[in-house]
Amino acid sequence: MKKNWKMLARNLTGRELIERINDGNDVALLPVGSMELHGPQLPLGTDTYIAEAVCRLVAPKIKGTVFDTITYSWSGMTKYSKPTISMTMDMETSYVRMVCDQLLRIGLKRIYVIQFHGPGFALTRLAREFFEENGSPLAFYGLLRMPNNEMDEYREKGIAWEASMYAAASEMLGTTPTIFPDAAPPLDEIVLPPGSDAREKILETGGYVGMLGTNDLHHGPFEGRIDTEAGMNTMKRLADDIASSAPSFKELCEAWEGVELSKSWPSDAK
């Protein structure tokens, strides 16, 4: 990591940020986490730690500026657990949209929104609406969708994938991980939410239905041993994937600069 790159917006003066933008370094990285139950063994801010850590890994690779993490979001299946603090999807989309509008206003034309929290519907919607209404592309990465069957590889090796990533992120950000590995029973002893088998069958046909948990074992059950090195390697791989998109994202953003949006396409378009 290039330690001479001041990556955190909170540590820049206003003049430093504007000079950076004027020099062509107009990349913003906005991490979005959650404040939700992660079983009895992981902290409420698990997703927040991972999203921020990945953004910090990406920043020096693409000369991006990391803005403060948005902690509160739509929680999904943990909505009714007492510790969870949840927004509606509309609220999450609107709040993150307002932040992104301001980033664009000050000249940050390439905006990455990075979230480690599923399923990411609110921010997928944001990516569409932001582009359609501003004519400026926005890249959303929902990191919970890990490619290359990496989750399966973790399970085959007996590694708790989310706990390992959280442990690595926590250490990277200078805090001591808070994990209680013996707090949850084995997976085969956990009773799934009502109708889980029926829900899976609907998903297999290409449909979609909602999902709710009914106790604190239905989200983030412990899945094996903690391997901090494996967790860090996964975050580095995710950061490399995001950084590899930078040339294409720059090309896309430049292609739309100066394009006038119209409420209707001309009928003689070819």
Foldseek 3Di string as FASTA:
>chain_A
DPPVQAAEPVPDDPVRVLVCLVVVQLEEEEEEEFQFFQFPWAHSGLFVLLRQLLSVLQCVLRVYHYYDYHYEEAQFQRVPPVRGDHDDLVVRLVVVLVVVVVSVVSRNQAYEYETAHPDCPSVVVSQVVCCQPVVGGYHYDHCVPQPPCVVVVCLVVFEQQSLLLSCLSQVVVPHHGGTDLVRADDPVPDDEPPPPVVQVVCVVVVDHDGHYGDDSCHHNHGRGHHDNVVSVVSSSVVSVVVSVCVVVSVVSRVVRPPDDDDPDDDPPDD
